[in-house]
Amino acid sequence: MSARIVPDDEAGRRAAVDALRAGGIVALPTDTVYGVAVALDTPGGIEALFAAKRRPPEKGVMLLLADAVQAPTIGEWPATAAALAAAFWPGGLSLIVPQRPDVDLPVALTGGAPTIGLRTPDHPAPRALAAAVGPLPTTSANVSGLPEARTAAEIVDQLGDAISLVLDAGPAHGGPASTVVDCTVDPPRILRAGAIDANALARVLGRRPAG
């Protein structure tokens, strides 16, 4: 049975939250492309995301957050990360921080790495879902190796019954991917150039991050 498509409105977001709490995979809009997400506490949920996308298991998955307040609940939160989040969240910045040793995360989430990737997107839908169910493991809504799906119909064409529900906000906005900054080192290091440039990061940090 194909995924149910619902509008990205209050009722649609309630349906998406219900689907996530029931252990389903939900496709949702972000500030760039559509993503597919699963509740972090779903047994085997990360593995189900990989299977839906046919994605190599050694690649980690980013967590989308409701806001920066959620960040220290899931990872250690160095001062550099807090400063960058205050300046650029919500927006196109992903921060790599150490995992908290007292938080039990699925090994599949990070590919076995001791770090975790966090982002607060500049779109209300993923923030609302993360506020309701907690930080959301999310990856792009496409089969690995195929173009990113831009519409609800394209998502269903690619992923079919591997997902439970699509939260439809119209065609994806596109745009540059998030800048990825490793905050486990000092100075922080840019792992992927993207929406936030190095000069903007340097103005916040008081120094240019390593590239």
C-alpha atoms as a PDB file:
ATOM      1  CA  MET A   1       0.000   0.000   0.000  1.00  0.00           C
ATOM      2  CA  SER A   2       1.415   3.401  -1.005  1.00  0.00           C
ATOM      3  CA  ALA A   3       2.167   6.107   1.539  1.00  0.00           C
ATOM      4  CA  ARG A   4      -0.671   8.403   2.562  1.00  0.00           C
ATOM      5  CA  ILE A   5      -0.193  12.009   1.378  1.00  0.00           C
ATOM      6  CA  VAL A   6      -1.519  14.744   3.689  1.00  0.00           C
ATOM      7  CA  PRO A   7      -1.183  18.538   3.499  1.00  0.00           C
ATOM      8  CA  ASP A   8       1.399  20.251   5.664  1.00  0.00           C
ATOM      9  CA  ASP A   9      -1.134  21.870   7.976  1.00  0.00           C
ATOM     10  CA  GLU A  10      -2.087  21.393  11.623  1.00  0.00           C
ATOM     11  CA  ALA A  11      -4.082  18.232  10.955  1.00  0.00           C
ATOM     12  CA  GLY A  12      -1.391  16.847   8.666  1.00  0.00           C
ATOM     13  CA  ARG A  13       1.305  17.417  11.250  1.00  0.00           C
ATOM     14  CA  ARG A  14      -0.821  15.652  13.888  1.00  0.00           C
ATOM     15  CA  ALA A  15      -1.137  12.698  11.500  1.00  0.00           C
ATOM     16  CA  ALA A  16       2.635  12.749  10.943  1.00  0.00           C
ATOM     17  CA  VAL A  17       3.288  12.747  14.698  1.00  0.00           C
ATOM     18  CA  ASP A  18       0.898   9.807  15.103  1.00  0.00           C
ATOM     19  CA  ALA A  19       2.687   7.918  12.318  1.00  0.00           C
ATOM     20  CA  LEU A  20       6.098   8.567  13.879  1.00  0.00           C
ATOM     21  CA  ARG A  21       4.902   7.476  17.322  1.00  0.00           C
ATOM     22  CA  ALA A  22       3.552   4.295  15.745  1.00  0.00           C
ATOM     23  CA  GLY A  23       7.024   3.501  14.375  1.00  0.00           C
ATOM     24  CA  GLY A  24       6.421   4.603  10.790  1.00  0.00           C
ATOM     25  CA  ILE A  25       8.701   6.475   8.411  1.00  0.00           C
ATOM     26  CA  VAL A  26       7.420   9.938   7.468  1.00  0.00           C
ATOM     27  CA  ALA A  27       8.487  12.129   4.559  1.00  0.00           C
ATOM     28  CA  LEU A  28       8.543  15.795   5.532  1.00  0.00           C
ATOM     29  CA  PRO A  29       9.517  19.131   4.003  1.00  0.00           C
ATOM     30  CA  THR A  30      12.631  20.987   5.132  1.00  0.00           C
ATOM     31  CA  ASP A  31      14.125  24.323   4.133  1.00  0.00           C
ATOM     32  CA  THR A  32      15.904  22.655   1.191  1.00  0.00           C
ATOM     33  CA  VAL A  33      14.753  19.176   0.130  1.00  0.00           C
ATOM     34  CA  TYR A  34      12.248  16.677   1.467  1.00  0.00           C
ATOM     35  CA  GLY A  35      13.540  14.305   4.101  1.00  0.00           C
ATOM     36  CA  VAL A  36      12.423  10.979   5.523  1.00  0.00           C
ATOM     37  CA  ALA A  37      12.385  10.636   9.288  1.00  0.00           C
ATOM     38  CA  VAL A  38      11.645   8.121  11.997  1.00  0.00           C
ATOM     39  CA  ALA A  39      11.240   8.508  15.753  1.00  0.00           C
ATOM     40  CA  LEU A  40      14.572   8.018  17.504  1.00  0.00           C
ATOM     41  CA  ASP A  41      13.157   5.475  19.947  1.00  0.00           C
ATOM     42  CA  THR A  42      11.624   3.246  17.251  1.00  0.00           C
ATOM     43  CA  PRO A  43      13.215  -0.220  17.514  1.00  0.00           C
ATOM     44  CA  GLY A  44      15.064  -0.822  14.243  1.00  0.00           C
ATOM     45  CA  GLY A  45      13.945   2.593  12.956  1.00  0.00           C
ATOM     46  CA  ILE A  46      17.326   3.722  11.642  1.00  0.00           C
ATOM     47  CA  GLU A  47      17.799   0.401   9.889  1.00  0.00           C
ATOM     48  CA  ALA A  48      14.342   0.844   8.321  1.00  0.00           C
ATOM     49  CA  LEU A  49      15.406   4.269   6.996  1.00  0.00           C
ATOM     50  CA  PHE A  50      18.500   2.719   5.427  1.00  0.00           C
ATOM     51  CA  ALA A  51      16.443  -0.076   3.906  1.00  0.00           C
ATOM     52  CA  ALA A  52      13.879   2.369   2.464  1.00  0.00           C
ATOM     53  CA  LYS A  53      16.640   4.400   0.797  1.00  0.00           C
ATOM     54  CA  ARG A  54      18.922   1.436   0.002  1.00  0.00           C
ATOM     55  CA  ARG A  55      21.594   3.502   1.726  1.00  0.00           C
ATOM     56  CA  PRO A  56      24.970   2.117   2.875  1.00  0.00           C
ATOM     57  CA  PRO A  57      24.775   1.447   6.622  1.00  0.00           C
ATOM     58  CA  GLU A  58      28.147   3.008   7.407  1.00  0.00           C
ATOM     59  CA  LYS A  59      26.836   6.516   6.622  1.00  0.00           C
ATOM     60  CA  GLY A  60      25.466   8.345   9.659  1.00  0.00           C
ATOM     61  CA  VAL A  61      22.121  10.147   9.866  1.00  0.00           C
ATOM     62  CA  MET A  62      21.586  13.764  10.938  1.00  0.00           C
ATOM     63  CA  LEU A  63      19.165  14.639  13.741  1.00  0.00           C
ATOM     64  CA  LEU A  64      16.747  17.503  13.092  1.00  0.00           C
ATOM     65  CA  LEU A  65      15.820  19.472  16.208  1.00  0.00           C
ATOM     66  CA  ALA A  66      12.954  21.694  17.285  1.00  0.00           C
ATOM     67  CA  ASP A  67      15.444  24.278  18.605  1.00  0.00           C
ATOM     68  CA  ALA A  68      18.851  24.611  20.202  1.00  0.00           C
ATOM     69  CA  VAL A  69      17.382  23.722  23.609  1.00  0.00           C
ATOM     70  CA  GLN A  70      17.132  20.091  22.434  1.00  0.00           C
ATOM     71  CA  ALA A  71      20.811  19.918  21.453  1.00  0.00           C
ATOM     72  CA  PRO A  72      22.376  19.333  24.898  1.00  0.00           C
ATOM     73  CA  THR A  73      19.775  16.659  25.648  1.00  0.00           C
ATOM     74  CA  ILE A  74      21.271  14.459  22.923  1.00  0.00           C
ATOM     75  CA  GLY A  75      24.918  15.532  22.602  1.00  0.00           C
ATOM     76  CA  GLU A  76      27.641  17.383  24.447  1.00  0.00           C
ATOM     77  CA  TRP A  77      27.373  21.082  23.701  1.00  0.00           C
ATOM     78  CA  PRO A  78      30.658  22.998  23.535  1.00  0.00           C
ATOM     79  CA  ALA A  79      30.633  26.790  23.674  1.00  0.00           C
ATOM     80  CA  THR A  80      31.564  27.022  19.978  1.00  0.00           C
ATOM     81  CA  ALA A  81      28.516  24.972  18.995  1.00  0.00           C
ATOM     82  CA  ALA A  82      26.242  27.059  21.228  1.00  0.00           C
ATOM     83  CA  ALA A  83      27.547  30.287  19.673  1.00  0.00           C
ATOM     84  CA  LEU A  84      27.100  29.039  16.109  1.00  0.00           C
ATOM     85  CA  ALA A  85      23.611  27.697  16.840  1.00  0.00           C
ATOM     86  CA  ALA A  86      22.590  31.029  18.406  1.00  0.00           C
ATOM     87  CA  ALA A  87      23.748  32.843  15.271  1.00  0.00           C
ATOM     88  CA  PHE A  88      22.543  30.520  12.505  1.00  0.00           C
ATOM     89  CA  TRP A  89      19.693  28.328  13.781  1.00  0.00           C
ATOM     90  CA  PRO A  90      17.177  27.820  12.425  1.00  0.00           C
ATOM     91  CA  GLY A  91      19.035  27.617   9.144  1.00  0.00           C
ATOM     92  CA  GLY A  92      21.572  25.935   6.930  1.00  0.00           C
ATOM     93  CA  LEU A  93      24.152  24.888   9.505  1.00  0.00           C
ATOM     94  CA  SER A  94      24.768  21.338  10.743  1.00  0.00           C
ATOM     95  CA  LEU A  95      26.938  20.908  13.827  1.00  0.00           C
ATOM     96  CA  ILE A  96      28.926  17.789  14.703  1.00  0.00           C
ATOM     97  CA  VAL A  97      29.319  17.378  18.464  1.00  0.00           C
ATOM     98  CA  PRO A  98      30.357  14.531  20.779  1.00  0.00           C
ATOM     99  CA  GLN A  99      27.685  12.090  21.846  1.00  0.00           C
ATOM    100  CA  ARG A 100      26.707  12.274  25.493  1.00  0.00           C
ATOM    101  CA  PRO A 101      28.017   9.138  27.213  1.00  0.00           C
ATOM    102  CA  ASP A 102      24.854   8.864  29.304  1.00  0.00           C
ATOM    103  CA  VAL A 103      22.498   8.915  26.289  1.00  0.00           C
ATOM    104  CA  ASP A 104      22.004   5.537  24.631  1.00  0.00           C
ATOM    105  CA  LEU A 105      21.781   6.082  20.880  1.00  0.00           C
ATOM    106  CA  PRO A 106      21.390   3.418  18.189  1.00  0.00           C
ATOM    107  CA  VAL A 107      24.787   2.477  16.754  1.00  0.00           C
ATOM    108  CA  ALA A 108      23.265   2.683  13.264  1.00  0.00           C
ATOM    109  CA  LEU A 109      22.490   6.385  13.792  1.00  0.00           C
ATOM    110  CA  THR A 110      26.139   7.428  13.571  1.00  0.00           C
ATOM    111  CA  GLY A 111      27.751   4.513  11.794  1.00  0.00           C
ATOM    112  CA  GLY A 112      29.553   3.718  15.042  1.00  0.00           C
ATOM    113  CA  ALA A 113      31.189   7.167  15.374  1.00  0.00           C
ATOM    114  CA  PRO A 114      31.321   8.812  18.840  1.00  0.00           C
ATOM    115  CA  THR A 115      29.815  12.005  17.412  1.00  0.00           C
ATOM    116  CA  ILE A 116      26.352  13.147  16.355  1.00  0.00           C
ATOM    117  CA  GLY A 117      25.163  15.635  13.725  1.00  0.00           C
ATOM    118  CA  LEU A 118      22.510  18.191  14.722  1.00  0.00           C
ATOM    119  CA  ARG A 119      20.548  20.840  12.813  1.00  0.00           C
ATOM    120  CA  THR A 120      17.525  23.060  13.405  1.00  0.00           C
ATOM    121  CA  PRO A 121      16.030  23.616   9.926  1.00  0.00           C
ATOM    122  CA  ASP A 122      14.432  26.857   8.806  1.00  0.00           C
ATOM    123  CA  HIS A 123      11.044  25.218   8.220  1.00  0.00           C
ATOM    124  CA  PRO A 124       8.234  24.904  10.763  1.00  0.00           C
ATOM    125  CA  ALA A 125       7.186  21.336   9.875  1.00  0.00           C
ATOM    126  CA  PRO A 126      10.281  19.410  11.006  1.00  0.00           C
ATOM    127  CA  ARG A 127      10.617  21.678  14.039  1.00  0.00           C
ATOM    128  CA  ALA A 128       7.013  20.940  15.047  1.00  0.00           C
ATOM    129  CA  LEU A 129       7.491  17.184  14.644  1.00  0.00           C
ATOM    130  CA  ALA A 130      10.767  17.243  16.594  1.00  0.00           C
ATOM    131  CA  ALA A 131       9.070  19.237  19.365  1.00  0.00           C
ATOM    132  CA  ALA A 132       6.410  16.537  19.595  1.00  0.00           C
ATOM    133  CA  VAL A 133       8.494  13.343  19.366  1.00  0.00           C
ATOM    134  CA  GLY A 134      12.075  14.466  20.065  1.00  0.00           C
ATOM    135  CA  PRO A 135      15.142  14.835  17.806  1.00  0.00           C
ATOM    136  CA  LEU A 136      14.381  13.251  14.451  1.00  0.00           C
ATOM    137  CA  PRO A 137      16.838  11.051  12.529  1.00  0.00           C
ATOM    138  CA  THR A 138      16.359  12.408   9.007  1.00  0.00           C
ATOM    139  CA  THR A 139      17.911  11.839   5.606  1.00  0.00           C
ATOM    140  CA  SER A 140      16.951  12.949   2.109  1.00  0.00           C
ATOM    141  CA  ALA A 141      13.750  11.506   0.626  1.00  0.00           C
ATOM    142  CA  ASN A 142      15.138   9.495  -2.261  1.00  0.00           C
ATOM    143  CA  VAL A 143      16.619   6.137  -3.087  1.00  0.00           C
ATOM    144  CA  SER A 144      20.413   6.425  -2.772  1.00  0.00           C
ATOM    145  CA  GLY A 145      21.908   7.269  -6.140  1.00  0.00           C
ATOM    146  CA  LEU A 146      18.689   8.742  -7.553  1.00  0.00           C
ATOM    147  CA  PRO A 147      17.840  12.469  -7.739  1.00  0.00           C
ATOM    148  CA  GLU A 148      16.337  13.983  -4.599  1.00  0.00           C
ATOM    149  CA  ALA A 149      12.542  13.844  -4.786  1.00  0.00           C
ATOM    150  CA  ARG A 150      11.074  17.347  -5.097  1.00  0.00           C
ATOM    151  CA  THR A 151       7.363  16.579  -4.692  1.00  0.00           C
ATOM    152  CA  ALA A 152       5.109  14.242  -2.750  1.00  0.00           C
ATOM    153  CA  ALA A 153       4.381  12.266  -5.912  1.00  0.00           C
ATOM    154  CA  GLU A 154       8.096  11.799  -6.633  1.00  0.00           C
ATOM    155  CA  ILE A 155       8.650  10.606  -3.055  1.00  0.00           C
ATOM    156  CA  VAL A 156       5.937   7.972  -3.417  1.00  0.00           C
ATOM    157  CA  ASP A 157       7.299   6.943  -6.823  1.00  0.00           C
ATOM    158  CA  GLN A 158      10.763   6.342  -5.342  1.00  0.00           C
ATOM    159  CA  LEU A 159       9.998   5.037  -1.865  1.00  0.00           C
ATOM    160  CA  GLY A 160       6.478   3.614  -2.226  1.00  0.00           C
ATOM    161  CA  ASP A 161       5.187   1.572   0.674  1.00  0.00           C
ATOM    162  CA  ALA A 162       8.488   1.809   2.582  1.00  0.00           C
ATOM    163  CA  ILE A 163       7.102   4.996   4.128  1.00  0.00           C
ATOM    164  CA  SER A 164       3.862   5.546   6.015  1.00  0.00           C
ATOM    165  CA  LEU A 165       3.005   9.166   5.259  1.00  0.00           C
ATOM    166  CA  VAL A 166       4.122  12.166   3.215  1.00  0.00           C
ATOM    167  CA  LEU A 167       3.616  15.645   4.662  1.00  0.00           C
ATOM    168  CA  ASP A 168       3.028  17.613   1.472  1.00  0.00           C
ATOM    169  CA  ALA A 169       4.135  21.266   1.433  1.00  0.00           C
ATOM    170  CA  GLY A 170       4.374  21.576  -2.340  1.00  0.00           C
ATOM    171  CA  PRO A 171       7.591  21.430  -4.390  1.00  0.00           C
ATOM    172  CA  ALA A 172      10.825  21.510  -2.374  1.00  0.00           C
ATOM    173  CA  HIS A 173      12.567  24.879  -2.237  1.00  0.00           C
ATOM    174  CA  GLY A 174      16.003  23.477  -3.084  1.00  0.00           C
ATOM    175  CA  GLY A 175      19.051  25.657  -2.527  1.00  0.00           C
ATOM    176  CA  PRO A 176      22.493  24.941  -1.108  1.00  0.00           C
ATOM    177  CA  ALA A 177      22.979  22.123   1.375  1.00  0.00           C
ATOM    178  CA  SER A 178      23.794  22.999   4.960  1.00  0.00           C
ATOM    179  CA  THR A 179      27.326  23.846   5.939  1.00  0.00           C
ATOM    180  CA  VAL A 180      28.677  21.075   8.187  1.00  0.00           C
ATOM    181  CA  VAL A 181      31.000  22.157  11.003  1.00  0.00           C
ATOM    182  CA  ASP A 182      32.886  19.808  13.312  1.00  0.00           C
ATOM    183  CA  CYS A 183      32.710  21.294  16.816  1.00  0.00           C
ATOM    184  CA  THR A 184      34.582  18.408  18.427  1.00  0.00           C
ATOM    185  CA  VAL A 185      37.887  20.133  17.594  1.00  0.00           C
ATOM    186  CA  ASP A 186      39.289  23.584  18.359  1.00  0.00           C
ATOM    187  CA  PRO A 187      39.151  25.572  16.192  1.00  0.00           C
ATOM    188  CA  PRO A 188      36.008  24.088  14.632  1.00  0.00           C
ATOM    189  CA  ARG A 189      36.529  22.604  11.196  1.00  0.00           C
ATOM    190  CA  ILE A 190      34.336  22.929   8.103  1.00  0.00           C
ATOM    191  CA  LEU A 191      33.584  19.436   6.806  1.00  0.00           C
ATOM    192  CA  ARG A 192      31.277  20.566   3.996  1.00  0.00           C
ATOM    193  CA  ALA A 193      30.870  24.023   2.512  1.00  0.00           C
ATOM    194  CA  GLY A 194      27.269  25.083   2.063  1.00  0.00           C
ATOM    195  CA  ALA A 195      24.670  27.696   2.915  1.00  0.00           C
ATOM    196  CA  ILE A 196      26.711  29.474   5.627  1.00  0.00           C
ATOM    197  CA  ASP A 197      30.087  30.707   4.409  1.00  0.00           C
ATOM    198  CA  ALA A 198      33.373  30.636   6.302  1.00  0.00           C
ATOM    199  CA  ASN A 199      33.456  34.412   6.745  1.00  0.00           C
ATOM    200  CA  ALA A 200      30.089  34.392   8.516  1.00  0.00           C
ATOM    201  CA  LEU A 201      31.283  31.596  10.792  1.00  0.00           C
ATOM    202  CA  ALA A 202      34.496  33.490  11.526  1.00  0.00           C
ATOM    203  CA  ARG A 203      32.580  36.607  12.568  1.00  0.00           C
ATOM    204  CA  VAL A 204      30.786  34.549  15.254  1.00  0.00           C
ATOM    205  CA  LEU A 205      33.793  32.534  16.384  1.00  0.00           C
ATOM    206  CA  GLY A 206      36.243  35.437  16.328  1.00  0.00           C
ATOM    207  CA  ARG A 207      38.534  33.333  14.135  1.00  0.00           C
ATOM    208  CA  ARG A 208      38.335  31.505  10.856  1.00  0.00           C
ATOM    209  CA  PRO A 209      37.370  27.833  11.185  1.00  0.00           C
ATOM    210  CA  ALA A 210      39.727  25.272   9.704  1.00  0.00           C
ATOM    211  CA  GLY A 211      38.743  24.049   6.259  1.00  0.00           C
END
